[in-house]
C-alpha atoms as a PDB file:
ATOM      1  CA  UNK A   1      -0.019  -0.059   0.041  1.00  0.00           C
ATOM      2  CA  UNK A   2       1.243   3.387  -0.894  1.00  0.00           C
ATOM      3  CA  UNK A   3       0.891   6.218   1.631  1.00  0.00           C
ATOM      4  CA  UNK A   4       1.832   9.797   0.702  1.00  0.00           C
ATOM      5  CA  UNK A   5       3.454  11.862   3.524  1.00  0.00           C
ATOM      6  CA  UNK A   6       2.535  15.599   3.106  1.00  0.00           C
ATOM      7  CA  UNK A   7       6.093  16.919   3.470  1.00  0.00           C
ATOM      8  CA  UNK A   8       9.134  18.076   1.509  1.00  0.00           C
ATOM      9  CA  UNK A   9      11.447  16.730   4.258  1.00  0.00           C
ATOM     10  CA  UNK A  10      12.547  13.248   3.336  1.00  0.00           C
ATOM     11  CA  UNK A  11      13.816  12.776   6.851  1.00  0.00           C
ATOM     12  CA  UNK A  12      10.227  12.451   8.110  1.00  0.00           C
ATOM     13  CA  UNK A  13       9.769   9.355   5.948  1.00  0.00           C
ATOM     14  CA  UNK A  14      12.715   7.748   7.683  1.00  0.00           C
ATOM     15  CA  UNK A  15      11.129   8.442  11.115  1.00  0.00           C
ATOM     16  CA  UNK A  16       7.701   7.189  10.106  1.00  0.00           C
ATOM     17  CA  UNK A  17       9.313   4.053   8.574  1.00  0.00           C
ATOM     18  CA  UNK A  18      11.096   3.343  11.864  1.00  0.00           C
ATOM     19  CA  UNK A  19       7.979   3.726  13.904  1.00  0.00           C
ATOM     20  CA  UNK A  20       5.935   1.485  11.629  1.00  0.00           C
ATOM     21  CA  UNK A  21       8.595  -1.222  11.793  1.00  0.00           C
ATOM     22  CA  UNK A  22       8.500  -1.012  15.706  1.00  0.00           C
ATOM     23  CA  UNK A  23       4.728  -1.706  15.640  1.00  0.00           C
ATOM     24  CA  UNK A  24       4.058  -3.666  12.495  1.00  0.00           C
ATOM     25  CA  UNK A  25       7.201  -5.727  12.239  1.00  0.00           C
ATOM     26  CA  UNK A  26       7.359  -7.572   8.897  1.00  0.00           C
ATOM     27  CA  UNK A  27       4.001  -6.090   7.784  1.00  0.00           C
ATOM     28  CA  UNK A  28       5.780  -2.655   7.633  1.00  0.00           C
ATOM     29  CA  UNK A  29       7.198  -3.936   4.274  1.00  0.00           C
ATOM     30  CA  UNK A  30       3.696  -3.636   2.832  1.00  0.00           C
ATOM     31  CA  UNK A  31       3.653   0.064   3.284  1.00  0.00           C
ATOM     32  CA  UNK A  32       5.339   2.288   0.683  1.00  0.00           C
ATOM     33  CA  UNK A  33       5.991   5.788   1.963  1.00  0.00           C
ATOM     34  CA  UNK A  34       6.275   8.526  -0.713  1.00  0.00           C
ATOM     35  CA  UNK A  35       6.713  12.245   0.050  1.00  0.00           C
ATOM     36  CA  UNK A  36       4.497  14.839  -1.450  1.00  0.00           C
ATOM     37  CA  UNK A  37       7.571  16.886  -2.407  1.00  0.00           C
ATOM     38  CA  UNK A  38       8.892  14.022  -4.563  1.00  0.00           C
ATOM     39  CA  UNK A  39       5.600  14.011  -6.388  1.00  0.00           C
ATOM     40  CA  UNK A  40       5.639  17.849  -7.058  1.00  0.00           C
ATOM     41  CA  UNK A  41       2.431  18.319  -5.146  1.00  0.00           C
ATOM     42  CA  UNK A  42       1.644  21.907  -4.079  1.00  0.00           C
ATOM     43  CA  UNK A  43       1.566  23.187  -0.526  1.00  0.00           C
ATOM     44  CA  UNK A  44      -1.985  23.968   0.543  1.00  0.00           C
ATOM     45  CA  UNK A  45      -2.794  27.154   2.540  1.00  0.00           C
ATOM     46  CA  UNK A  46      -2.545  26.246   6.209  1.00  0.00           C
ATOM     47  CA  UNK A  47      -5.296  28.498   7.585  1.00  0.00           C
ATOM     48  CA  UNK A  48      -6.422  26.419  10.525  1.00  0.00           C
ATOM     49  CA  UNK A  49      -6.256  27.845  14.043  1.00  0.00           C
ATOM     50  CA  UNK A  50      -5.112  24.582  15.714  1.00  0.00           C
ATOM     51  CA  UNK A  51      -2.263  22.088  14.988  1.00  0.00           C
ATOM     52  CA  UNK A  52      -5.061  19.466  14.321  1.00  0.00           C
ATOM     53  CA  UNK A  53      -6.758  21.621  11.789  1.00  0.00           C
ATOM     54  CA  UNK A  54      -3.516  22.243   9.946  1.00  0.00           C
ATOM     55  CA  UNK A  55      -2.538  18.627   9.909  1.00  0.00           C
ATOM     56  CA  UNK A  56      -5.899  17.719   8.359  1.00  0.00           C
ATOM     57  CA  UNK A  57      -5.667  20.476   5.772  1.00  0.00           C
ATOM     58  CA  UNK A  58      -2.329  19.049   4.562  1.00  0.00           C
ATOM     59  CA  UNK A  59      -3.437  15.415   4.674  1.00  0.00           C
ATOM     60  CA  UNK A  60      -6.811  16.056   3.043  1.00  0.00           C
ATOM     61  CA  UNK A  61      -5.230  17.920   0.230  1.00  0.00           C
ATOM     62  CA  UNK A  62      -2.860  15.068  -0.685  1.00  0.00           C
ATOM     63  CA  UNK A  63      -5.489  12.344  -0.384  1.00  0.00           C
ATOM     64  CA  UNK A  64      -7.983  14.393  -2.520  1.00  0.00           C
ATOM     65  CA  UNK A  65      -5.338  14.889  -5.181  1.00  0.00           C
ATOM     66  CA  UNK A  66      -3.810  11.406  -5.275  1.00  0.00           C
ATOM     67  CA  UNK A  67      -6.381   8.990  -4.164  1.00  0.00           C
ATOM     68  CA  UNK A  68      -3.915   7.520  -1.779  1.00  0.00           C
ATOM     69  CA  UNK A  69      -3.953   7.567   2.080  1.00  0.00           C
ATOM     70  CA  UNK A  70      -2.013  10.621   3.329  1.00  0.00           C
ATOM     71  CA  UNK A  71      -0.201  11.475   6.533  1.00  0.00           C
ATOM     72  CA  UNK A  72       0.601  14.948   7.694  1.00  0.00           C
ATOM     73  CA  UNK A  73       1.704  16.581  10.873  1.00  0.00           C
ATOM     74  CA  UNK A  74       1.760  20.080  12.340  1.00  0.00           C
ATOM     75  CA  UNK A  75       3.686  21.163  15.375  1.00  0.00           C
ATOM     76  CA  UNK A  76       4.953  24.046  17.398  1.00  0.00           C
ATOM     77  CA  UNK A  77       6.003  25.391  20.795  1.00  0.00           C
ATOM     78  CA  UNK A  78       3.537  26.287  23.520  1.00  0.00           C
ATOM     79  CA  UNK A  79       4.670  28.552  26.335  1.00  0.00           C
ATOM     80  CA  UNK A  80       2.531  28.467  29.406  1.00  0.00           C
ATOM     81  CA  UNK A  81       3.116  31.958  30.701  1.00  0.00           C
ATOM     82  CA  UNK A  82       2.482  33.348  27.161  1.00  0.00           C
ATOM     83  CA  UNK A  83      -1.025  32.014  27.007  1.00  0.00           C
ATOM     84  CA  UNK A  84       0.039  29.053  24.762  1.00  0.00           C
ATOM     85  CA  UNK A  85       1.895  31.155  22.226  1.00  0.00           C
ATOM     86  CA  UNK A  86       3.695  30.993  19.876  1.00  0.00           C
ATOM     87  CA  UNK A  87       1.587  27.878  19.121  1.00  0.00           C
ATOM     88  CA  UNK A  88       0.782  27.540  15.417  1.00  0.00           C
ATOM     89  CA  UNK A  89       2.763  30.718  14.673  1.00  0.00           C
ATOM     90  CA  UNK A  90       5.980  29.150  16.061  1.00  0.00           C
ATOM     91  CA  UNK A  91       7.774  29.014  12.606  1.00  0.00           C
ATOM     92  CA  UNK A  92       7.113  32.618  11.863  1.00  0.00           C
ATOM     93  CA  UNK A  93       6.935  34.125  15.346  1.00  0.00           C
ATOM     94  CA  UNK A  94       9.378  36.982  14.403  1.00  0.00           C
ATOM     95  CA  UNK A  95       7.713  37.668  11.111  1.00  0.00           C
ATOM     96  CA  UNK A  96       9.691  35.588   8.651  1.00  0.00           C
ATOM     97  CA  UNK A  97       8.812  31.957   8.170  1.00  0.00           C
ATOM     98  CA  UNK A  98      11.586  29.566   9.212  1.00  0.00           C
ATOM     99  CA  UNK A  99      14.019  32.212  10.577  1.00  0.00           C
ATOM    100  CA  UNK A 100      15.038  30.221  13.645  1.00  0.00           C
ATOM    101  CA  UNK A 101      17.595  32.767  14.837  1.00  0.00           C
ATOM    102  CA  UNK A 102      15.105  35.563  14.870  1.00  0.00           C
ATOM    103  CA  UNK A 103      12.271  33.446  16.439  1.00  0.00           C
ATOM    104  CA  UNK A 104      14.609  32.437  19.275  1.00  0.00           C
ATOM    105  CA  UNK A 105      15.852  35.971  19.800  1.00  0.00           C
ATOM    106  CA  UNK A 106      12.295  37.277  20.040  1.00  0.00           C
ATOM    107  CA  UNK A 107      11.225  34.642  22.453  1.00  0.00           C
ATOM    108  CA  UNK A 108      14.175  35.144  24.685  1.00  0.00           C
ATOM    109  CA  UNK A 109      13.371  38.901  24.756  1.00  0.00           C
ATOM    110  CA  UNK A 110       9.764  38.277  25.597  1.00  0.00           C
ATOM    111  CA  UNK A 111      10.772  35.839  28.285  1.00  0.00           C
ATOM    112  CA  UNK A 112      13.599  37.993  29.763  1.00  0.00           C
ATOM    113  CA  UNK A 113      11.725  38.837  33.076  1.00  0.00           C
ATOM    114  CA  UNK A 114      10.167  35.468  33.600  1.00  0.00           C
ATOM    115  CA  UNK A 115      11.623  33.573  36.529  1.00  0.00           C
ATOM    116  CA  UNK A 116      13.086  30.085  35.916  1.00  0.00           C
ATOM    117  CA  UNK A 117      10.293  28.356  37.768  1.00  0.00           C
ATOM    118  CA  UNK A 118       7.754  29.875  35.444  1.00  0.00           C
ATOM    119  CA  UNK A 119       9.538  29.009  32.179  1.00  0.00           C
ATOM    120  CA  UNK A 120       7.532  25.802  31.469  1.00  0.00           C
ATOM    121  CA  UNK A 121       6.661  24.978  27.980  1.00  0.00           C
ATOM    122  CA  UNK A 122       5.864  22.034  25.637  1.00  0.00           C
ATOM    123  CA  UNK A 123       6.128  21.062  22.075  1.00  0.00           C
ATOM    124  CA  UNK A 124       2.841  19.819  20.649  1.00  0.00           C
ATOM    125  CA  UNK A 125       2.339  17.784  17.444  1.00  0.00           C
ATOM    126  CA  UNK A 126      -0.743  16.670  15.705  1.00  0.00           C
ATOM    127  CA  UNK A 127      -0.530  13.921  13.185  1.00  0.00           C
ATOM    128  CA  UNK A 128      -3.291  13.097  10.762  1.00  0.00           C
ATOM    129  CA  UNK A 129      -4.194  10.226   8.529  1.00  0.00           C
ATOM    130  CA  UNK A 130      -6.725  10.853   5.839  1.00  0.00           C
ATOM    131  CA  UNK A 131      -8.144   8.002   3.717  1.00  0.00           C
ATOM    132  CA  UNK A 132      -9.541   8.973   0.339  1.00  0.00           C
ATOM    133  CA  UNK A 133     -12.994   7.911  -0.835  1.00  0.00           C
ATOM    134  CA  UNK A 134     -14.557   7.315  -4.301  1.00  0.00           C
ATOM    135  CA  UNK A 135     -13.550   9.337  -7.373  1.00  0.00           C
ATOM    136  CA  UNK A 136     -15.687  12.325  -7.962  1.00  0.00           C
ATOM    137  CA  UNK A 137     -17.579  12.513 -11.267  1.00  0.00           C
ATOM    138  CA  UNK A 138     -16.486  16.057 -11.956  1.00  0.00           C
ATOM    139  CA  UNK A 139     -12.816  15.341 -11.493  1.00  0.00           C
ATOM    140  CA  UNK A 140     -10.568  18.492 -11.375  1.00  0.00           C
ATOM    141  CA  UNK A 141      -7.534  19.203  -9.368  1.00  0.00           C
ATOM    142  CA  UNK A 142      -8.918  17.196  -6.489  1.00  0.00           C
ATOM    143  CA  UNK A 143     -10.766  14.197  -7.961  1.00  0.00           C
ATOM    144  CA  UNK A 144     -11.186  12.102  -4.805  1.00  0.00           C
ATOM    145  CA  UNK A 145     -13.462  12.414  -1.863  1.00  0.00           C
ATOM    146  CA  UNK A 146     -12.624  11.644   1.793  1.00  0.00           C
ATOM    147  CA  UNK A 147     -13.583   8.291   3.417  1.00  0.00           C
ATOM    148  CA  UNK A 148     -12.112   8.767   6.897  1.00  0.00           C
ATOM    149  CA  UNK A 149      -9.907  10.922   9.051  1.00  0.00           C
ATOM    150  CA  UNK A 150      -7.879  10.223  12.215  1.00  0.00           C
ATOM    151  CA  UNK A 151      -5.909  12.789  14.266  1.00  0.00           C
ATOM    152  CA  UNK A 152      -3.547  11.988  17.179  1.00  0.00           C
ATOM    153  CA  UNK A 153      -1.637  14.463  19.384  1.00  0.00           C
ATOM    154  CA  UNK A 154       1.619  14.061  21.159  1.00  0.00           C
ATOM    155  CA  UNK A 155       3.436  16.530  23.599  1.00  0.00           C
ATOM    156  CA  UNK A 156       6.898  16.865  24.972  1.00  0.00           C
ATOM    157  CA  UNK A 157       7.028  18.969  28.127  1.00  0.00           C
ATOM    158  CA  UNK A 158      10.016  20.908  29.391  1.00  0.00           C
ATOM    159  CA  UNK A 159      11.428  24.332  30.235  1.00  0.00           C
ATOM    160  CA  UNK A 160      12.999  27.195  28.442  1.00  0.00           C
ATOM    161  CA  UNK A 161      16.612  28.360  28.974  1.00  0.00           C
ATOM    162  CA  UNK A 162      17.927  31.833  28.995  1.00  0.00           C
ATOM    163  CA  UNK A 163      20.457  31.215  26.278  1.00  0.00           C
ATOM    164  CA  UNK A 164      20.773  28.547  23.456  1.00  0.00           C
ATOM    165  CA  UNK A 165      22.754  25.423  23.796  1.00  0.00           C
ATOM    166  CA  UNK A 166      23.475  22.875  21.245  1.00  0.00           C
ATOM    167  CA  UNK A 167      23.954  22.645  17.361  1.00  0.00           C
ATOM    168  CA  UNK A 168      21.555  19.816  16.564  1.00  0.00           C
ATOM    169  CA  UNK A 169      17.878  19.967  15.746  1.00  0.00           C
ATOM    170  CA  UNK A 170      16.130  23.127  14.541  1.00  0.00           C
ATOM    171  CA  UNK A 171      13.637  25.798  15.557  1.00  0.00           C
ATOM    172  CA  UNK A 172      13.538  26.280  19.308  1.00  0.00           C
ATOM    173  CA  UNK A 173      15.452  23.183  20.084  1.00  0.00           C
ATOM    174  CA  UNK A 174      18.555  25.055  21.586  1.00  0.00           C
ATOM    175  CA  UNK A 175      16.358  26.757  24.174  1.00  0.00           C
ATOM    176  CA  UNK A 176      14.214  23.756  25.201  1.00  0.00           C
ATOM    177  CA  UNK A 177      15.163  21.181  27.822  1.00  0.00           C
ATOM    178  CA  UNK A 178      12.676  18.310  27.787  1.00  0.00           C
ATOM    179  CA  UNK A 179      11.571  16.840  31.121  1.00  0.00           C
ATOM    180  CA  UNK A 180      12.373  13.330  29.807  1.00  0.00           C
ATOM    181  CA  UNK A 181      16.051  12.948  29.252  1.00  0.00           C
ATOM    182  CA  UNK A 182      18.158  10.192  27.517  1.00  0.00           C
ATOM    183  CA  UNK A 183      19.908   7.636  29.698  1.00  0.00           C
ATOM    184  CA  UNK A 184      23.367   9.149  29.141  1.00  0.00           C
ATOM    185  CA  UNK A 185      22.094  12.484  30.554  1.00  0.00           C
ATOM    186  CA  UNK A 186      20.622  10.756  33.476  1.00  0.00           C
ATOM    187  CA  UNK A 187      23.772   8.845  34.209  1.00  0.00           C
ATOM    188  CA  UNK A 188      25.889  12.125  33.916  1.00  0.00           C
ATOM    189  CA  UNK A 189      23.487  14.060  36.182  1.00  0.00           C
ATOM    190  CA  UNK A 190      22.920  16.755  33.571  1.00  0.00           C
ATOM    191  CA  UNK A 191      19.964  17.929  31.467  1.00  0.00           C
ATOM    192  CA  UNK A 192      20.339  18.396  27.678  1.00  0.00           C
ATOM    193  CA  UNK A 193      18.458  20.667  25.438  1.00  0.00           C
ATOM    194  CA  UNK A 194      16.827  19.047  22.484  1.00  0.00           C
ATOM    195  CA  UNK A 195      19.574  20.580  20.280  1.00  0.00           C
ATOM    196  CA  UNK A 196      22.250  18.689  22.462  1.00  0.00           C
ATOM    197  CA  UNK A 197      20.609  15.296  21.931  1.00  0.00           C
ATOM    198  CA  UNK A 198      21.297  12.866  19.136  1.00  0.00           C
ATOM    199  CA  UNK A 199      18.476  12.531  16.647  1.00  0.00           C
ATOM    200  CA  UNK A 200      17.484   9.025  17.898  1.00  0.00           C
ATOM    201  CA  UNK A 201      17.420  10.276  21.497  1.00  0.00           C
ATOM    202  CA  UNK A 202      15.186  13.148  20.507  1.00  0.00           C
ATOM    203  CA  UNK A 203      12.903  11.116  18.379  1.00  0.00           C
ATOM    204  CA  UNK A 204      12.305   8.617  21.285  1.00  0.00           C
ATOM    205  CA  UNK A 205      10.786  11.244  23.514  1.00  0.00           C
ATOM    206  CA  UNK A 206       9.558  13.810  20.921  1.00  0.00           C
ATOM    207  CA  UNK A 207       6.018  15.084  20.478  1.00  0.00           C
ATOM    208  CA  UNK A 208       6.016  14.056  16.814  1.00  0.00           C
ATOM    209  CA  UNK A 209       7.180  10.545  17.676  1.00  0.00           C
ATOM    210  CA  UNK A 210       4.326  10.188  20.186  1.00  0.00           C
ATOM    211  CA  UNK A 211       1.718  11.451  17.773  1.00  0.00           C
ATOM    212  CA  UNK A 212       2.901   9.136  14.925  1.00  0.00           C
ATOM    213  CA  UNK A 213       3.069   6.132  17.198  1.00  0.00           C
ATOM    214  CA  UNK A 214      -0.496   6.869  18.360  1.00  0.00           C
ATOM    215  CA  UNK A 215      -1.506   7.011  14.665  1.00  0.00           C
ATOM    216  CA  UNK A 216      -0.019   3.562  13.798  1.00  0.00           C
ATOM    217  CA  UNK A 217      -3.141   1.748  14.815  1.00  0.00           C
ATOM    218  CA  UNK A 218      -5.134   3.462  12.123  1.00  0.00           C
ATOM    219  CA  UNK A 219      -2.405   2.821   9.596  1.00  0.00           C
ATOM    220  CA  UNK A 220      -2.371  -0.794  10.668  1.00  0.00           C
ATOM    221  CA  UNK A 221      -6.114  -1.232   9.881  1.00  0.00           C
ATOM    222  CA  UNK A 222      -5.379  -0.282   6.299  1.00  0.00           C
ATOM    223  CA  UNK A 223      -2.627  -2.831   5.859  1.00  0.00           C
ATOM    224  CA  UNK A 224      -4.243  -5.806   7.510  1.00  0.00           C
END
């Protein structure tokens, strides 16, 4: 079975493949993952007001265009003292989409007077699986209907530092210390930022990993 992942990041396919193999074992070989980017599919306008809505927008668009089941995710940082901001605006918090340095600098400025005990935050991810329905008679750019939709949410709680640490990851990773730490950090009595963790260590505790693992049951029902 072919499943289209609504992303231009091929690394997400590797992560989803690993999660499928954890749960499905040999049956994971029956799932062919293809990125929307490799198919040249356009990016839909993400005008939802929640992570769940934006994940569904992306997955629906791909399923309606291709007639294949589609997976999409949407995620961001939620800071408790800021009323859950930056939230869905995380990637463009400073005004320019994807400018991690500017986003981090603005967040640090906004949080400058917040005491350490109140710097709690969490990353949240919504992962969606949309299964297409019958082909529409009128055809067009989106010739297929929708048969079913499933959304799962995962979170990674932690705290925000006052200065960045680490060179791995992206976004707010250098400022964020997850509550759950890899064993090597526990053994050393230190706490690592997401940007100081190895990719496998971060994926094991990440919000995206949790959401995708929760979605596997719905994927499994398509395969078996």
